[in-house]
N, C-alpha and C. Protein backbone atom coordinates (compact mmCIF):
# COMPACT_ATOMS: atom_id res chain seq x y z
N MET A 1 12.50 29.23 18.47
CA MET A 1 12.96 28.20 17.54
C MET A 1 12.24 28.29 16.19
N GLY A 2 10.97 27.85 16.13
CA GLY A 2 10.32 27.69 14.84
C GLY A 2 9.07 28.50 14.63
N SER A 3 9.02 29.75 15.12
CA SER A 3 7.79 30.53 15.07
C SER A 3 7.32 30.87 13.66
N GLU A 4 8.19 30.78 12.67
CA GLU A 4 7.80 31.08 11.30
C GLU A 4 7.18 29.88 10.59
N ILE A 5 7.25 28.73 11.22
CA ILE A 5 6.78 27.49 10.60
C ILE A 5 5.37 27.18 11.10
N SER A 6 4.48 26.82 10.17
CA SER A 6 3.09 26.49 10.52
C SER A 6 2.78 25.05 10.17
N VAL A 7 2.10 24.38 11.09
CA VAL A 7 1.69 22.99 10.91
C VAL A 7 0.19 22.90 11.17
N LEU A 8 -0.50 22.17 10.33
CA LEU A 8 -1.94 21.94 10.49
C LEU A 8 -2.17 20.55 11.04
N VAL A 9 -2.97 20.46 12.12
CA VAL A 9 -3.38 19.18 12.69
C VAL A 9 -4.91 19.14 12.67
N PRO A 10 -5.49 18.45 11.68
CA PRO A 10 -6.95 18.33 11.64
C PRO A 10 -7.44 17.25 12.61
N LEU A 11 -8.53 17.56 13.31
CA LEU A 11 -9.11 16.61 14.25
C LEU A 11 -10.52 16.24 13.81
N ALA A 12 -10.79 14.94 13.85
CA ALA A 12 -12.12 14.42 13.53
C ALA A 12 -12.66 13.69 14.75
N GLU A 13 -13.97 13.59 14.84
CA GLU A 13 -14.59 12.82 15.93
C GLU A 13 -13.93 11.44 16.00
N GLY A 14 -13.51 11.05 17.21
CA GLY A 14 -12.91 9.75 17.40
C GLY A 14 -11.41 9.71 17.21
N PHE A 15 -10.75 10.88 17.21
CA PHE A 15 -9.28 10.89 17.10
C PHE A 15 -8.65 10.32 18.36
N GLU A 16 -7.43 9.83 18.25
CA GLU A 16 -6.69 9.28 19.38
C GLU A 16 -6.04 10.43 20.16
N GLU A 17 -6.49 10.62 21.40
CA GLU A 17 -6.03 11.72 22.22
C GLU A 17 -4.51 11.73 22.41
N LEU A 18 -3.97 10.60 22.80
CA LEU A 18 -2.54 10.54 23.11
C LEU A 18 -1.70 11.00 21.92
N GLU A 19 -2.10 10.61 20.73
CA GLU A 19 -1.36 11.01 19.53
C GLU A 19 -1.50 12.50 19.25
N ALA A 20 -2.74 12.97 19.19
CA ALA A 20 -2.97 14.38 18.83
C ALA A 20 -2.36 15.34 19.84
N ILE A 21 -2.60 15.11 21.10
CA ILE A 21 -2.11 16.03 22.13
C ILE A 21 -0.59 16.01 22.21
N THR A 22 0.02 14.85 22.06
CA THR A 22 1.48 14.76 22.07
C THR A 22 2.07 15.55 20.91
N ILE A 23 1.50 15.38 19.73
CA ILE A 23 1.98 16.11 18.55
C ILE A 23 1.84 17.61 18.76
N ILE A 24 0.66 18.06 19.14
CA ILE A 24 0.41 19.48 19.33
C ILE A 24 1.33 20.06 20.39
N ASP A 25 1.42 19.39 21.52
CA ASP A 25 2.22 19.87 22.63
C ASP A 25 3.70 19.98 22.27
N LEU A 26 4.28 18.93 21.73
CA LEU A 26 5.71 18.96 21.45
C LEU A 26 6.07 19.94 20.33
N LEU A 27 5.25 20.02 19.30
CA LEU A 27 5.53 20.99 18.25
C LEU A 27 5.46 22.42 18.80
N ARG A 28 4.50 22.68 19.65
CA ARG A 28 4.41 24.02 20.24
C ARG A 28 5.59 24.29 21.18
N ARG A 29 6.07 23.28 21.87
CA ARG A 29 7.28 23.46 22.71
C ARG A 29 8.47 23.87 21.85
N ALA A 30 8.48 23.43 20.60
CA ALA A 30 9.56 23.78 19.68
C ALA A 30 9.35 25.16 19.05
N GLY A 31 8.27 25.83 19.41
CA GLY A 31 8.00 27.16 18.88
C GLY A 31 7.33 27.15 17.52
N ILE A 32 6.85 25.98 17.11
CA ILE A 32 6.16 25.86 15.83
C ILE A 32 4.71 26.32 16.02
N ARG A 33 4.22 27.07 15.06
CA ARG A 33 2.82 27.50 15.08
C ARG A 33 1.96 26.31 14.64
N VAL A 34 1.17 25.78 15.56
CA VAL A 34 0.30 24.64 15.27
C VAL A 34 -1.14 25.13 15.22
N VAL A 35 -1.80 24.86 14.11
CA VAL A 35 -3.21 25.19 13.96
C VAL A 35 -3.98 23.87 14.07
N VAL A 36 -4.86 23.80 15.06
CA VAL A 36 -5.70 22.63 15.26
C VAL A 36 -7.07 22.95 14.66
N ALA A 37 -7.47 22.14 13.69
CA ALA A 37 -8.71 22.43 12.96
C ALA A 37 -9.70 21.28 13.09
N GLY A 38 -10.91 21.59 13.44
CA GLY A 38 -11.98 20.60 13.47
C GLY A 38 -12.61 20.47 12.10
N LEU A 39 -13.05 19.28 11.76
CA LEU A 39 -13.70 19.10 10.46
C LEU A 39 -14.97 19.93 10.35
N SER A 40 -15.58 20.23 11.50
CA SER A 40 -16.76 21.09 11.52
C SER A 40 -16.70 21.94 12.78
N GLU A 41 -17.68 22.82 12.95
CA GLU A 41 -17.71 23.70 14.12
C GLU A 41 -18.04 22.91 15.38
N GLY A 42 -17.64 23.46 16.51
CA GLY A 42 -18.00 22.89 17.80
C GLY A 42 -16.93 21.98 18.37
N SER A 43 -17.25 21.42 19.52
CA SER A 43 -16.31 20.56 20.21
C SER A 43 -16.16 19.22 19.48
N ILE A 44 -15.06 18.55 19.79
CA ILE A 44 -14.75 17.28 19.12
C ILE A 44 -14.54 16.22 20.20
N ARG A 45 -15.32 15.15 20.13
CA ARG A 45 -15.19 14.05 21.09
C ARG A 45 -14.16 13.06 20.54
N ALA A 46 -13.15 12.80 21.35
CA ALA A 46 -12.07 11.91 20.95
C ALA A 46 -12.43 10.44 21.22
N SER A 47 -11.52 9.55 20.88
CA SER A 47 -11.80 8.11 20.94
C SER A 47 -12.05 7.59 22.35
N HIS A 48 -11.54 8.29 23.36
CA HIS A 48 -11.75 7.85 24.74
C HIS A 48 -12.64 8.83 25.50
N ASN A 49 -13.54 9.47 24.75
CA ASN A 49 -14.60 10.32 25.28
C ASN A 49 -14.12 11.59 25.97
N THR A 50 -12.91 12.06 25.68
CA THR A 50 -12.54 13.39 26.13
C THR A 50 -13.03 14.37 25.07
N VAL A 51 -13.32 15.58 25.48
CA VAL A 51 -13.88 16.58 24.58
C VAL A 51 -12.85 17.70 24.39
N HIS A 52 -12.67 18.11 23.13
CA HIS A 52 -11.63 19.08 22.79
C HIS A 52 -12.18 20.19 21.91
N LEU A 53 -11.53 21.35 21.98
CA LEU A 53 -11.89 22.48 21.14
C LEU A 53 -10.75 22.75 20.17
N ALA A 54 -11.09 22.92 18.92
CA ALA A 54 -10.10 23.25 17.90
C ALA A 54 -9.89 24.77 17.89
N ASP A 55 -8.78 25.18 17.26
CA ASP A 55 -8.52 26.61 17.10
C ASP A 55 -9.48 27.23 16.10
N MET A 56 -9.89 26.43 15.11
CA MET A 56 -10.77 26.91 14.04
C MET A 56 -11.31 25.71 13.28
N THR A 57 -12.20 25.97 12.33
CA THR A 57 -12.70 24.88 11.49
C THR A 57 -11.69 24.60 10.38
N LEU A 58 -11.82 23.45 9.77
CA LEU A 58 -10.95 23.10 8.65
C LEU A 58 -11.11 24.09 7.51
N ASP A 59 -12.33 24.49 7.22
CA ASP A 59 -12.54 25.47 6.13
C ASP A 59 -11.78 26.76 6.40
N GLU A 60 -11.80 27.23 7.64
CA GLU A 60 -11.03 28.43 7.99
C GLU A 60 -9.53 28.17 7.87
N ALA A 61 -9.09 27.02 8.36
CA ALA A 61 -7.67 26.68 8.35
C ALA A 61 -7.12 26.56 6.94
N LEU A 62 -7.94 26.10 6.02
CA LEU A 62 -7.48 25.90 4.65
C LEU A 62 -7.23 27.22 3.90
N GLN A 63 -7.53 28.34 4.54
CA GLN A 63 -7.24 29.65 3.95
C GLN A 63 -5.79 30.07 4.19
N GLN A 64 -5.04 29.24 4.93
CA GLN A 64 -3.66 29.53 5.27
C GLN A 64 -2.73 28.52 4.63
N ASP A 65 -1.43 28.84 4.61
CA ASP A 65 -0.42 27.92 4.10
C ASP A 65 0.30 27.25 5.26
N TYR A 66 0.75 26.03 5.02
CA TYR A 66 1.44 25.24 6.05
C TYR A 66 2.66 24.57 5.45
N GLU A 67 3.64 24.32 6.30
CA GLU A 67 4.82 23.55 5.89
C GLU A 67 4.59 22.05 6.07
N MET A 68 3.59 21.72 6.92
CA MET A 68 3.32 20.31 7.22
C MET A 68 1.87 20.14 7.63
N VAL A 69 1.29 19.01 7.25
CA VAL A 69 0.01 18.58 7.79
C VAL A 69 0.25 17.26 8.49
N VAL A 70 -0.32 17.12 9.71
CA VAL A 70 -0.13 15.91 10.51
C VAL A 70 -1.50 15.35 10.87
N LEU A 71 -1.72 14.07 10.51
CA LEU A 71 -2.99 13.42 10.78
C LEU A 71 -2.86 12.47 11.96
N PRO A 72 -3.56 12.75 13.07
CA PRO A 72 -3.59 11.79 14.17
C PRO A 72 -4.46 10.60 13.78
N GLY A 73 -4.20 9.48 14.39
CA GLY A 73 -4.99 8.29 14.11
C GLY A 73 -6.15 8.16 15.08
N GLY A 74 -6.44 6.93 15.44
CA GLY A 74 -7.59 6.63 16.27
C GLY A 74 -8.78 6.30 15.39
N LEU A 75 -9.67 5.51 15.95
CA LEU A 75 -10.89 5.15 15.23
C LEU A 75 -12.10 5.53 16.06
N PRO A 76 -13.08 6.09 15.41
CA PRO A 76 -13.24 6.23 13.97
C PRO A 76 -12.63 7.50 13.38
N GLY A 77 -11.80 8.23 14.15
CA GLY A 77 -11.24 9.49 13.68
C GLY A 77 -10.55 9.41 12.34
N ALA A 78 -9.66 8.42 12.17
CA ALA A 78 -8.94 8.29 10.90
C ALA A 78 -9.91 8.01 9.75
N ASN A 79 -10.97 7.25 10.03
CA ASN A 79 -11.97 6.98 8.98
C ASN A 79 -12.70 8.26 8.58
N HIS A 80 -12.98 9.12 9.56
CA HIS A 80 -13.64 10.40 9.26
C HIS A 80 -12.72 11.29 8.42
N LEU A 81 -11.43 11.32 8.77
CA LEU A 81 -10.48 12.10 7.96
C LEU A 81 -10.46 11.55 6.53
N ASN A 82 -10.44 10.23 6.42
CA ASN A 82 -10.35 9.59 5.11
C ASN A 82 -11.59 9.83 4.26
N ALA A 83 -12.71 10.02 4.88
CA ALA A 83 -13.96 10.24 4.15
C ALA A 83 -14.16 11.69 3.74
N ASP A 84 -13.26 12.57 4.18
CA ASP A 84 -13.42 14.00 3.90
C ASP A 84 -12.59 14.39 2.67
N PRO A 85 -13.23 14.76 1.56
CA PRO A 85 -12.50 15.11 0.34
C PRO A 85 -11.54 16.29 0.53
N ARG A 86 -11.82 17.17 1.48
CA ARG A 86 -10.92 18.30 1.73
C ARG A 86 -9.56 17.81 2.23
N ILE A 87 -9.58 16.75 3.03
CA ILE A 87 -8.33 16.18 3.56
C ILE A 87 -7.52 15.57 2.42
N HIS A 88 -8.17 14.79 1.57
CA HIS A 88 -7.46 14.19 0.42
C HIS A 88 -6.86 15.27 -0.47
N LYS A 89 -7.63 16.31 -0.77
CA LYS A 89 -7.15 17.39 -1.62
C LYS A 89 -5.95 18.09 -0.97
N LEU A 90 -6.03 18.33 0.34
CA LEU A 90 -4.94 18.97 1.07
C LEU A 90 -3.67 18.12 1.01
N ILE A 91 -3.80 16.83 1.25
CA ILE A 91 -2.65 15.93 1.23
C ILE A 91 -2.01 15.93 -0.16
N GLN A 92 -2.82 15.84 -1.18
CA GLN A 92 -2.31 15.83 -2.55
C GLN A 92 -1.62 17.15 -2.88
N GLN A 93 -2.20 18.25 -2.45
CA GLN A 93 -1.62 19.58 -2.70
C GLN A 93 -0.29 19.72 -1.96
N MET A 94 -0.23 19.30 -0.70
CA MET A 94 1.01 19.39 0.08
C MET A 94 2.11 18.57 -0.59
N ALA A 95 1.78 17.36 -1.01
CA ALA A 95 2.76 16.49 -1.66
C ALA A 95 3.24 17.11 -2.97
N ALA A 96 2.31 17.66 -3.76
CA ALA A 96 2.67 18.27 -5.04
C ALA A 96 3.59 19.48 -4.85
N GLU A 97 3.43 20.17 -3.73
CA GLU A 97 4.25 21.35 -3.45
C GLU A 97 5.55 20.99 -2.74
N GLY A 98 5.78 19.70 -2.51
CA GLY A 98 7.01 19.28 -1.84
C GLY A 98 7.03 19.60 -0.36
N LYS A 99 5.85 19.66 0.24
CA LYS A 99 5.74 19.94 1.68
C LYS A 99 5.51 18.62 2.43
N TYR A 100 5.66 18.67 3.73
CA TYR A 100 5.55 17.47 4.55
C TYR A 100 4.10 17.04 4.76
N THR A 101 3.88 15.74 4.66
CA THR A 101 2.64 15.11 5.10
C THR A 101 3.04 14.04 6.10
N ALA A 102 2.31 13.95 7.19
CA ALA A 102 2.65 13.01 8.24
C ALA A 102 1.38 12.41 8.82
N ALA A 103 1.48 11.16 9.25
CA ALA A 103 0.31 10.48 9.81
C ALA A 103 0.77 9.37 10.75
N ILE A 104 -0.05 9.09 11.74
CA ILE A 104 0.27 8.09 12.75
C ILE A 104 -0.91 7.15 12.95
N CYS A 105 -0.61 5.92 13.33
CA CYS A 105 -1.59 4.91 13.72
C CYS A 105 -2.42 4.45 12.52
N ALA A 106 -3.72 4.70 12.51
CA ALA A 106 -4.57 4.32 11.39
C ALA A 106 -4.54 5.36 10.28
N ALA A 107 -4.05 6.56 10.56
CA ALA A 107 -4.10 7.66 9.59
C ALA A 107 -3.18 7.51 8.38
N PRO A 108 -2.08 6.73 8.41
CA PRO A 108 -1.34 6.55 7.16
C PRO A 108 -2.20 5.98 6.02
N LYS A 109 -3.27 5.29 6.38
CA LYS A 109 -4.21 4.79 5.36
C LYS A 109 -4.84 5.96 4.60
N VAL A 110 -5.02 7.09 5.27
CA VAL A 110 -5.55 8.28 4.60
C VAL A 110 -4.56 8.76 3.54
N LEU A 111 -3.27 8.76 3.90
CA LEU A 111 -2.24 9.14 2.92
C LEU A 111 -2.26 8.19 1.73
N ALA A 112 -2.40 6.90 2.02
CA ALA A 112 -2.44 5.90 0.95
C ALA A 112 -3.64 6.12 0.05
N ASP A 113 -4.81 6.33 0.64
CA ASP A 113 -6.02 6.52 -0.14
C ASP A 113 -6.02 7.84 -0.91
N ALA A 114 -5.23 8.81 -0.45
CA ALA A 114 -5.08 10.07 -1.17
C ALA A 114 -4.08 9.93 -2.31
N GLY A 115 -3.40 8.79 -2.38
CA GLY A 115 -2.52 8.50 -3.50
C GLY A 115 -1.08 8.96 -3.36
N VAL A 116 -0.64 9.27 -2.14
CA VAL A 116 0.72 9.79 -2.00
C VAL A 116 1.73 8.77 -1.45
N LEU A 117 1.31 7.53 -1.23
CA LEU A 117 2.24 6.53 -0.68
C LEU A 117 2.75 5.53 -1.71
N SER A 118 2.47 5.73 -2.97
CA SER A 118 2.91 4.80 -4.00
C SER A 118 4.43 4.69 -4.00
N GLY A 119 4.93 3.49 -3.67
CA GLY A 119 6.37 3.25 -3.64
C GLY A 119 7.10 3.88 -2.47
N ILE A 120 6.38 4.43 -1.53
CA ILE A 120 6.97 5.11 -0.37
C ILE A 120 7.07 4.12 0.79
N GLU A 121 8.18 4.17 1.53
CA GLU A 121 8.31 3.38 2.75
C GLU A 121 7.49 4.06 3.84
N ALA A 122 6.68 3.27 4.53
CA ALA A 122 5.80 3.82 5.55
C ALA A 122 5.48 2.75 6.59
N THR A 123 4.97 3.20 7.72
CA THR A 123 4.49 2.30 8.75
C THR A 123 3.14 2.80 9.23
N SER A 124 2.46 1.97 10.01
CA SER A 124 1.14 2.34 10.54
C SER A 124 0.82 1.38 11.68
N TYR A 125 -0.35 1.57 12.26
CA TYR A 125 -0.84 0.58 13.20
C TYR A 125 -0.91 -0.73 12.43
N PRO A 126 -0.52 -1.85 13.03
CA PRO A 126 -0.44 -3.11 12.28
C PRO A 126 -1.69 -3.39 11.44
N GLY A 127 -1.44 -3.63 10.16
CA GLY A 127 -2.49 -4.03 9.23
C GLY A 127 -3.15 -2.92 8.44
N PHE A 128 -2.98 -1.66 8.85
CA PHE A 128 -3.72 -0.58 8.20
C PHE A 128 -3.19 -0.22 6.82
N LEU A 129 -1.95 -0.57 6.51
CA LEU A 129 -1.43 -0.28 5.18
C LEU A 129 -1.37 -1.51 4.28
N GLN A 130 -1.82 -2.65 4.77
CA GLN A 130 -1.82 -3.85 3.93
C GLN A 130 -2.70 -3.62 2.72
N GLY A 131 -2.19 -4.04 1.56
CA GLY A 131 -2.95 -3.90 0.33
C GLY A 131 -2.86 -2.53 -0.31
N THR A 132 -2.03 -1.65 0.24
CA THR A 132 -1.86 -0.32 -0.37
C THR A 132 -0.59 -0.33 -1.23
N ALA A 133 -0.33 0.79 -1.89
CA ALA A 133 0.86 0.91 -2.75
C ALA A 133 2.11 1.26 -1.97
N ALA A 134 2.00 1.38 -0.65
CA ALA A 134 3.16 1.71 0.17
C ALA A 134 4.05 0.49 0.36
N THR A 135 5.33 0.74 0.60
CA THR A 135 6.25 -0.30 1.03
C THR A 135 6.19 -0.29 2.55
N VAL A 136 5.53 -1.27 3.13
CA VAL A 136 5.23 -1.26 4.56
C VAL A 136 6.43 -1.78 5.36
N ILE A 137 6.86 -0.97 6.32
CA ILE A 137 7.92 -1.34 7.25
C ILE A 137 7.24 -1.59 8.59
N GLU A 138 6.92 -2.84 8.86
CA GLU A 138 6.13 -3.21 10.04
C GLU A 138 6.81 -2.94 11.37
N ASP A 139 8.14 -3.11 11.43
CA ASP A 139 8.79 -3.10 12.73
C ASP A 139 9.42 -1.76 13.10
N ALA A 140 9.19 -0.71 12.34
CA ALA A 140 9.75 0.60 12.65
C ALA A 140 8.71 1.46 13.36
N ASP A 141 9.14 2.16 14.40
CA ASP A 141 8.23 3.04 15.13
C ASP A 141 7.88 4.29 14.32
N VAL A 142 8.88 4.82 13.62
CA VAL A 142 8.71 6.01 12.79
C VAL A 142 9.47 5.78 11.50
N VAL A 143 8.85 6.10 10.37
CA VAL A 143 9.51 5.96 9.07
C VAL A 143 9.40 7.29 8.34
N THR A 144 10.56 7.78 7.89
CA THR A 144 10.61 9.00 7.07
C THR A 144 11.08 8.61 5.69
N ASP A 145 10.31 8.95 4.68
CA ASP A 145 10.69 8.71 3.29
C ASP A 145 10.44 10.02 2.55
N GLY A 146 11.50 10.76 2.32
CA GLY A 146 11.35 12.07 1.70
C GLY A 146 10.57 12.99 2.62
N LYS A 147 9.46 13.51 2.12
CA LYS A 147 8.65 14.46 2.89
C LYS A 147 7.42 13.79 3.53
N ILE A 148 7.46 12.45 3.61
CA ILE A 148 6.35 11.72 4.23
C ILE A 148 6.87 11.02 5.48
N ILE A 149 6.19 11.29 6.61
CA ILE A 149 6.60 10.72 7.89
C ILE A 149 5.40 9.97 8.47
N THR A 150 5.62 8.72 8.83
CA THR A 150 4.55 7.90 9.39
C THR A 150 5.01 7.23 10.68
N SER A 151 4.03 6.82 11.48
CA SER A 151 4.34 6.17 12.75
C SER A 151 3.25 5.18 13.10
N ARG A 152 3.51 4.33 14.11
CA ARG A 152 2.69 3.16 14.38
C ARG A 152 1.48 3.36 15.27
N GLY A 153 1.57 4.16 16.33
CA GLY A 153 0.43 4.25 17.22
C GLY A 153 0.70 5.07 18.47
N PRO A 154 -0.20 5.02 19.44
CA PRO A 154 -0.09 5.85 20.63
C PRO A 154 1.26 5.72 21.34
N GLY A 155 1.79 4.52 21.40
CA GLY A 155 3.07 4.30 22.08
C GLY A 155 4.26 4.91 21.37
N THR A 156 4.11 5.28 20.12
CA THR A 156 5.21 5.89 19.35
C THR A 156 4.99 7.38 19.12
N ALA A 157 3.96 7.95 19.74
CA ALA A 157 3.59 9.34 19.48
C ALA A 157 4.70 10.32 19.83
N MET A 158 5.41 10.09 20.93
CA MET A 158 6.47 11.03 21.31
C MET A 158 7.63 10.96 20.31
N ASP A 159 8.04 9.76 19.93
CA ASP A 159 9.10 9.63 18.93
C ASP A 159 8.68 10.27 17.61
N PHE A 160 7.44 10.08 17.24
CA PHE A 160 6.89 10.66 16.02
C PHE A 160 6.96 12.18 16.06
N ALA A 161 6.46 12.77 17.14
CA ALA A 161 6.45 14.23 17.27
C ALA A 161 7.87 14.79 17.25
N LEU A 162 8.79 14.11 17.90
CA LEU A 162 10.19 14.56 17.90
C LEU A 162 10.79 14.47 16.50
N GLU A 163 10.42 13.45 15.75
CA GLU A 163 10.89 13.32 14.36
C GLU A 163 10.32 14.46 13.51
N LEU A 164 9.09 14.87 13.78
CA LEU A 164 8.49 15.99 13.05
C LEU A 164 9.27 17.27 13.32
N ILE A 165 9.63 17.48 14.58
CA ILE A 165 10.43 18.65 14.95
C ILE A 165 11.77 18.63 14.23
N GLU A 166 12.42 17.47 14.24
CA GLU A 166 13.72 17.37 13.57
C GLU A 166 13.60 17.64 12.07
N ALA A 167 12.55 17.13 11.46
CA ALA A 167 12.36 17.35 10.02
C ALA A 167 12.19 18.84 9.72
N LEU A 168 11.47 19.55 10.56
CA LEU A 168 11.18 20.96 10.31
C LEU A 168 12.28 21.91 10.77
N LEU A 169 12.94 21.56 11.90
CA LEU A 169 13.87 22.52 12.52
C LEU A 169 15.29 21.99 12.73
N GLY A 170 15.49 20.68 12.55
CA GLY A 170 16.83 20.13 12.72
C GLY A 170 17.03 19.41 14.05
N ALA A 171 18.15 18.70 14.14
CA ALA A 171 18.45 17.86 15.30
C ALA A 171 18.63 18.66 16.58
N GLU A 172 19.20 19.86 16.47
CA GLU A 172 19.42 20.67 17.68
C GLU A 172 18.08 21.06 18.32
N ALA A 173 17.12 21.47 17.51
CA ALA A 173 15.80 21.83 18.03
C ALA A 173 15.13 20.61 18.66
N ARG A 174 15.28 19.46 18.02
CA ARG A 174 14.71 18.24 18.60
C ARG A 174 15.30 18.00 19.98
N SER A 175 16.60 18.12 20.09
CA SER A 175 17.28 17.90 21.36
C SER A 175 16.83 18.90 22.42
N GLU A 176 16.63 20.16 22.02
CA GLU A 176 16.18 21.18 22.97
C GLU A 176 14.80 20.86 23.52
N VAL A 177 13.96 20.23 22.73
CA VAL A 177 12.63 19.83 23.21
C VAL A 177 12.72 18.52 23.99
N GLU A 178 13.50 17.58 23.50
CA GLU A 178 13.55 16.24 24.08
C GLU A 178 14.24 16.20 25.44
N THR A 179 15.34 16.91 25.60
CA THR A 179 16.12 16.83 26.84
C THR A 179 15.30 17.11 28.09
N PRO A 180 14.51 18.17 28.15
CA PRO A 180 13.73 18.43 29.38
C PRO A 180 12.60 17.41 29.62
N LEU A 181 12.31 16.57 28.64
CA LEU A 181 11.25 15.57 28.81
C LEU A 181 11.71 14.42 29.70
N VAL A 182 13.01 14.30 29.93
CA VAL A 182 13.60 13.26 30.77
C VAL A 182 13.12 11.89 30.34
N ARG A 183 13.51 11.53 29.13
CA ARG A 183 13.05 10.27 28.53
C ARG A 183 13.97 9.09 28.79
N GLY A 184 14.67 9.01 29.81
CA GLY A 184 15.48 7.83 30.14
C GLY A 184 16.36 7.28 29.18
């Protein structure tokens, strides 16, 4: 399906496992090349104390081009992403190039703080986008506005990942991934 397409998923200490793993898994099922990058070397402890290994460091990953960057939420993971100037620069560069930026749960706040949500419809974990320049859609599980895709939290991770697949590869590819999941 999508072997020519590359997506970057940066992971920070305290990321939400359900969100990150769902995104990585479903995108890879669609044949998308997913690069998982840690903010630094070594293992990464997630928000519920599971330990994960990235494919490479963020510095190594930033030597490549991507069609999309996806930020998992979770705390303090989203705060660590937000505090990293490399992440803000990447988001701004992706937006300037007309490429996809996506975030779920607390991570849409990172997009807002990077300055790419001004006047954009978006959603997040309740309350995380209050006071930002985004047009907040509280009751939507997933919101797509142009090349920015946001979602609410762990319970919406599968819908979010499927929306990412559809954005990159189309509705048929989404269906090819979704059907075998037996989602009732």
